[in-house]
Amino acid sequence: MNDRKPIYLMSPALAWLTAFMVIPCLLILALAFFRRGIYGGVEYTFTMENLALVFDPLYASIFLKSAWIAGLSGVIAVVVGYAAAFAIAAAPARRQPMLLFFAVLPFWSNYLVRTYAWIVLLNREGLIVSVVQALGYDGELPKLLYTESAVVVGLVYNYLPFVILACYAPLSRLNPEIAEASRDLGGSGWTTFRRVILPMTVPGIATGFVFVFVLSIGNFVTPALLGGGQFQMIGNLIYAQFLTANDWPFGAALSMFLIAIMMGLLTLQTFATERASGARREES
């Protein structure tokens, strides 16, 4: 009876995930194998055309563009977030909860509000331009809003707390005696960080990067608002197929390809985490 307790405790969550995630994904998968009707809708005739169309150079370039923006956002978020998490973990224990509170404080506001705030900051009449002009600069500033850089900034800002939390967890569990032993053996601060601390926190880095990449590559709100429609990401393309072009089968094929990419990344992240954990157990 006790052996079945975990199953009983997990059953409500499993039922919820099955009803509201697994079944909808299966329905989307099924739609990908049908045709679009002449006037929209779905014509229930089996076809593989939608899956083949996903690899058309036009749509493949959108996938690559989305992957580039998501990857760049992930790298920047990891660099900034790891530094912040390292500083929080190095702070006195009594201050760490307060610092973590400030790190996740942006989550207390709506995603759209946070994104619109960047429009206020980056537009030609916004705060950044006003401050630069107040400092005496009279030249023409480069375009800040409705650019690829603005989208990357918005994605990094919105998902940075995930990286901080993911990196803080392994950093806070590190035994300080390990770093002390490295320094006692003649290792410099950079050597200790590069060869001791960094390898032991790889799972947190991988988790943070995957969080940002997965959430960014399918994002359509930030590219629409901060990109101003100047370029498309895969999330905008899927949104357009379902709600503008009324081509649900092709939208479903794009969605399933995106889900496959996400699942592959999550699998790699899990493998990397387990491998790093196994290496640590062997060393101990």
Protein backbone atom coordinates (compact mmCIF):
# COMPACT_ATOMS: atom_id res chain seq x y z
CA MET A 1 0.00 0.00 0.00
CA ASN A 2 2.82 2.39 0.87
CA ASP A 3 4.43 1.70 -2.51
CA ARG A 4 1.36 3.15 -4.22
CA LYS A 5 1.31 6.36 -2.20
CA PRO A 6 3.48 8.31 -4.69
CA ILE A 7 1.13 7.30 -7.52
CA TYR A 8 -1.93 8.45 -5.55
CA LEU A 9 -0.26 11.75 -4.71
CA MET A 10 0.79 12.32 -8.30
CA SER A 11 -2.52 11.36 -9.87
CA PRO A 12 -4.20 14.81 -9.61
CA ALA A 13 -1.22 16.51 -11.28
CA LEU A 14 -0.96 13.78 -13.92
CA ALA A 15 -4.67 14.04 -14.66
CA TRP A 16 -4.39 17.82 -15.00
CA LEU A 17 -1.37 17.59 -17.33
CA THR A 18 -3.02 14.89 -19.42
CA ALA A 19 -6.27 16.82 -19.82
CA PHE A 20 -4.82 20.25 -20.49
CA MET A 21 -1.43 19.56 -22.08
CA VAL A 22 -1.05 16.05 -23.48
CA ILE A 23 -4.49 15.79 -25.13
CA PRO A 24 -4.35 19.30 -26.69
CA CYS A 25 -0.86 18.54 -28.05
CA LEU A 26 -2.14 15.29 -29.56
CA LEU A 27 -5.03 17.16 -31.18
CA ILE A 28 -2.60 19.71 -32.64
CA LEU A 29 -0.42 16.84 -33.88
CA ALA A 30 -3.42 15.26 -35.60
CA LEU A 31 -4.33 18.55 -37.32
CA ALA A 32 -0.86 18.70 -38.87
CA PHE A 33 -1.75 15.72 -41.11
CA PHE A 34 -4.87 17.27 -42.69
CA ARG A 35 -5.44 19.86 -45.40
CA ARG A 36 -6.58 23.45 -45.12
CA GLY A 37 -10.05 24.01 -46.52
CA ILE A 38 -10.55 26.25 -49.52
CA TYR A 39 -12.13 28.94 -47.35
CA GLY A 40 -10.21 28.09 -44.23
CA GLY A 41 -10.97 25.51 -41.61
CA VAL A 42 -9.82 21.90 -41.86
CA GLU A 43 -10.39 19.40 -44.64
CA TYR A 44 -9.96 15.94 -43.16
CA THR A 45 -7.85 14.49 -45.96
CA PHE A 46 -4.56 12.91 -44.92
CA THR A 47 -1.45 14.66 -46.23
CA MET A 48 2.21 15.18 -45.40
CA GLU A 49 2.41 18.50 -47.22
CA ASN A 50 2.28 20.59 -44.05
CA LEU A 51 5.29 18.84 -42.51
CA ALA A 52 7.24 19.19 -45.76
CA LEU A 53 6.34 22.88 -45.96
CA VAL A 54 7.91 23.48 -42.54
CA PHE A 55 11.32 22.86 -44.15
CA ASP A 56 10.70 25.31 -46.99
CA PRO A 57 13.63 27.79 -47.11
CA LEU A 58 11.29 30.69 -46.34
CA TYR A 59 10.05 29.18 -43.08
CA ALA A 60 13.40 27.57 -42.27
CA SER A 61 14.97 31.03 -42.29
CA ILE A 62 12.36 32.18 -39.77
CA PHE A 63 13.22 29.22 -37.56
CA LEU A 64 16.93 30.06 -37.78
CA LYS A 65 16.24 33.73 -37.02
CA SER A 66 14.16 32.73 -34.02
CA ALA A 67 16.85 30.31 -32.82
CA TRP A 68 19.51 33.03 -33.17
CA ILE A 69 17.51 35.57 -31.15
CA ALA A 70 16.57 32.98 -28.53
CA GLY A 71 20.16 31.71 -28.29
CA LEU A 72 21.60 35.23 -28.01
CA SER A 73 19.04 36.08 -25.34
CA GLY A 74 19.92 32.89 -23.48
CA VAL A 75 23.67 33.58 -23.54
CA ILE A 76 23.25 37.18 -22.36
CA ALA A 77 20.79 36.13 -19.65
CA VAL A 78 23.19 33.41 -18.43
CA VAL A 79 26.15 35.81 -18.25
CA VAL A 80 24.18 38.50 -16.41
CA GLY A 81 22.12 36.09 -14.32
CA TYR A 82 25.11 33.98 -13.25
CA ALA A 83 26.98 37.10 -12.11
CA ALA A 84 23.93 38.23 -10.12
CA ALA A 85 23.43 34.77 -8.61
CA PHE A 86 27.14 34.57 -7.70
CA ALA A 87 26.92 37.95 -5.94
CA ILE A 88 23.79 36.89 -4.06
CA ALA A 89 25.33 33.58 -2.97
CA ALA A 90 28.48 35.40 -1.81
CA ALA A 91 26.49 37.91 0.26
CA PRO A 92 25.89 37.36 3.99
CA ALA A 93 23.21 34.75 4.63
CA ARG A 94 20.85 37.22 6.28
CA ARG A 95 20.81 39.42 3.16
CA GLN A 96 20.30 36.70 0.57
CA PRO A 97 16.48 36.40 0.95
CA MET A 98 16.11 40.16 0.42
CA LEU A 99 18.37 40.10 -2.65
CA LEU A 100 16.44 37.16 -4.10
CA PHE A 101 13.21 39.07 -3.45
CA PHE A 102 14.49 41.99 -5.54
CA ALA A 103 15.65 39.57 -8.25
CA VAL A 104 12.16 38.11 -8.73
CA LEU A 105 10.30 41.36 -8.07
CA PRO A 106 9.59 41.94 -11.81
CA PHE A 107 7.46 38.78 -11.78
CA TRP A 108 4.99 40.63 -9.57
CA SER A 109 3.89 42.71 -12.55
CA ASN A 110 2.18 41.59 -15.73
CA TYR A 111 4.33 40.48 -18.68
CA LEU A 112 2.65 42.97 -21.00
CA VAL A 113 3.21 45.82 -18.54
CA ARG A 114 6.92 44.98 -18.34
CA THR A 115 7.18 44.87 -22.12
CA TYR A 116 5.28 48.13 -22.63
CA ALA A 117 7.66 49.73 -20.11
CA TRP A 118 10.52 49.07 -22.53
CA ILE A 119 8.57 50.83 -25.28
CA VAL A 120 8.42 53.88 -23.02
CA LEU A 121 12.17 53.62 -22.37
CA LEU A 122 13.33 52.96 -25.94
CA ASN A 123 11.15 55.18 -28.15
CA ARG A 124 12.52 58.43 -29.59
CA GLU A 125 10.71 60.46 -26.95
CA GLY A 126 11.52 58.01 -24.18
CA LEU A 127 13.56 58.21 -21.03
CA ILE A 128 16.87 56.99 -22.51
CA VAL A 129 16.85 59.54 -25.33
CA SER A 130 15.78 62.31 -22.94
CA VAL A 131 18.63 61.51 -20.52
CA VAL A 132 21.22 61.43 -23.32
CA GLN A 133 19.99 64.75 -24.67
CA ALA A 134 19.97 66.27 -21.19
CA LEU A 135 23.65 65.32 -20.89
CA GLY A 136 24.35 67.53 -23.89
CA TYR A 137 24.41 65.09 -26.82
CA ASP A 138 22.86 66.76 -29.89
CA GLY A 139 23.58 64.11 -32.51
CA GLU A 140 21.21 61.58 -34.00
CA LEU A 141 20.88 58.51 -31.81
CA PRO A 142 20.62 55.07 -33.42
CA LYS A 143 17.17 53.55 -33.56
CA LEU A 144 16.48 51.76 -30.29
CA LEU A 145 12.89 50.59 -30.64
CA TYR A 146 11.51 48.18 -33.24
CA THR A 147 14.84 46.45 -33.74
CA GLU A 148 16.26 42.99 -33.14
CA SER A 149 18.30 44.38 -30.25
CA ALA A 150 15.14 45.70 -28.58
CA VAL A 151 13.57 42.24 -28.79
CA VAL A 152 16.67 40.63 -27.25
CA VAL A 153 16.67 43.21 -24.43
CA GLY A 154 12.99 42.55 -23.74
CA LEU A 155 13.44 38.78 -23.69
CA VAL A 156 16.50 38.95 -21.43
CA TYR A 157 14.78 41.30 -19.02
CA ASN A 158 11.59 39.24 -18.78
CA TYR A 159 13.30 35.88 -18.31
CA LEU A 160 16.40 36.90 -16.33
CA PRO A 161 14.88 35.94 -12.92
CA PHE A 162 14.62 32.32 -14.11
CA VAL A 163 18.37 32.25 -14.75
CA ILE A 164 19.21 33.90 -11.42
CA LEU A 165 17.16 31.34 -9.49
CA ALA A 166 18.51 28.40 -11.53
CA CYS A 167 22.14 29.48 -10.97
CA TYR A 168 21.67 30.50 -7.35
CA ALA A 169 20.53 27.01 -6.32
CA PRO A 170 23.84 25.19 -7.05
CA LEU A 171 25.96 28.20 -6.00
CA SER A 172 24.28 28.36 -2.60
CA ARG A 173 24.97 24.64 -2.02
CA LEU A 174 28.69 24.86 -2.75
CA ASN A 175 30.91 24.04 0.18
CA PRO A 176 33.14 27.11 0.74
CA GLU A 177 35.92 24.80 1.92
CA ILE A 178 36.36 23.58 -1.66
CA ALA A 179 37.28 27.08 -2.88
CA GLU A 180 39.50 27.56 0.17
CA ALA A 181 41.32 24.30 -0.59
CA SER A 182 41.92 25.45 -4.16
CA ARG A 183 43.42 28.73 -2.98
CA ASP A 184 45.55 26.93 -0.39
CA LEU A 185 46.96 24.79 -3.21
CA GLY A 186 48.04 27.91 -5.08
CA GLY A 187 45.08 28.43 -7.35
CA SER A 188 44.25 32.04 -8.18
CA GLY A 189 40.74 33.41 -7.89
CA TRP A 190 40.15 33.01 -11.64
CA THR A 191 41.58 29.47 -11.66
CA THR A 192 39.41 28.49 -8.69
CA PHE A 193 36.33 29.86 -10.43
CA ARG A 194 37.14 28.32 -13.82
CA ARG A 195 38.22 24.86 -12.65
CA VAL A 196 36.23 24.36 -9.44
CA ILE A 197 33.16 26.59 -9.08
CA LEU A 198 32.05 26.82 -12.71
CA PRO A 199 32.09 23.04 -13.46
CA MET A 200 30.10 22.34 -10.29
CA THR A 201 27.38 24.81 -11.28
CA VAL A 202 26.98 23.70 -14.92
CA PRO A 203 23.53 22.16 -14.23
CA GLY A 204 22.20 25.52 -13.07
CA ILE A 205 23.69 27.28 -16.09
CA ALA A 206 22.21 24.69 -18.47
CA THR A 207 18.81 24.93 -16.79
CA GLY A 208 18.80 28.73 -16.97
CA PHE A 209 19.84 28.78 -20.64
CA VAL A 210 17.23 26.22 -21.63
CA PHE A 211 14.55 28.16 -19.73
CA VAL A 212 15.33 31.35 -21.63
CA PHE A 213 15.81 29.65 -25.02
CA VAL A 214 12.61 27.61 -24.86
CA LEU A 215 10.49 30.52 -23.66
CA SER A 216 12.07 32.94 -26.16
CA ILE A 217 11.94 30.90 -29.34
CA GLY A 218 8.16 30.55 -29.15
CA ASN A 219 7.49 34.05 -27.86
CA PHE A 220 5.28 36.26 -30.04
CA VAL A 221 4.35 39.12 -27.70
CA THR A 222 7.83 40.65 -27.35
CA PRO A 223 8.70 40.51 -31.09
CA ALA A 224 5.32 42.03 -31.92
CA LEU A 225 5.64 44.91 -29.44
CA LEU A 226 9.38 45.64 -29.36
CA GLY A 227 10.07 44.43 -32.90
CA GLY A 228 7.17 46.40 -34.32
CA GLY A 229 6.51 43.80 -37.02
CA GLN A 230 9.88 44.54 -38.66
CA PHE A 231 10.71 40.83 -38.68
CA GLN A 232 8.99 37.58 -37.77
CA MET A 233 9.81 34.95 -35.21
CA ILE A 234 8.33 31.49 -35.26
CA GLY A 235 5.82 32.39 -32.54
CA ASN A 236 4.45 35.25 -34.66
CA LEU A 237 4.25 32.93 -37.67
CA ILE A 238 2.25 30.32 -35.74
CA TYR A 239 -0.02 33.04 -34.35
CA ALA A 240 -0.65 34.33 -37.88
CA GLN A 241 -1.45 30.86 -39.25
CA PHE A 242 -4.10 30.20 -36.62
CA LEU A 243 -5.71 33.64 -36.29
CA THR A 244 -4.99 35.48 -39.56
CA ALA A 245 -4.37 33.04 -42.41
CA ASN A 246 -6.83 30.54 -40.90
CA ASP A 247 -4.49 27.71 -41.88
CA TRP A 248 -4.77 25.52 -38.81
CA PRO A 249 -3.06 22.42 -40.29
CA PHE A 250 0.10 24.33 -41.24
CA GLY A 251 0.04 26.19 -37.92
CA ALA A 252 -0.22 22.80 -36.19
CA ALA A 253 2.76 21.48 -38.16
CA LEU A 254 4.84 24.51 -37.16
CA SER A 255 3.76 24.08 -33.54
CA MET A 256 4.73 20.42 -33.44
CA PHE A 257 8.15 21.16 -34.95
CA LEU A 258 8.69 23.83 -32.30
CA ILE A 259 7.60 21.45 -29.53
CA ALA A 260 10.02 18.83 -30.87
CA ILE A 261 12.88 21.35 -30.64
CA MET A 262 11.90 22.23 -27.09
CA MET A 263 11.64 18.59 -26.02
CA GLY A 264 15.06 17.86 -27.53
CA LEU A 265 16.63 20.74 -25.61
CA LEU A 266 14.97 19.71 -22.37
CA THR A 267 16.22 16.15 -22.88
CA LEU A 268 19.78 17.39 -23.45
CA GLN A 269 19.54 19.62 -20.38
CA THR A 270 18.36 16.68 -18.26
CA PHE A 271 21.19 14.51 -19.59
CA ALA A 272 23.76 17.22 -18.84
CA THR A 273 22.39 17.68 -15.33
CA GLU A 274 22.46 13.95 -14.56
CA ARG A 275 25.97 13.61 -15.98
CA ALA A 276 27.24 16.51 -13.88
CA SER A 277 25.56 15.10 -10.77
CA GLY A 278 27.12 11.69 -11.41
CA ALA A 279 30.54 13.25 -11.82
CA ARG A 280 30.19 15.05 -8.50
CA ARG A 281 29.14 11.84 -6.75
CA GLU A 282 32.19 10.02 -8.13
CA GLU A 283 34.52 12.80 -6.93
CA SER A 284 32.99 12.72 -3.47
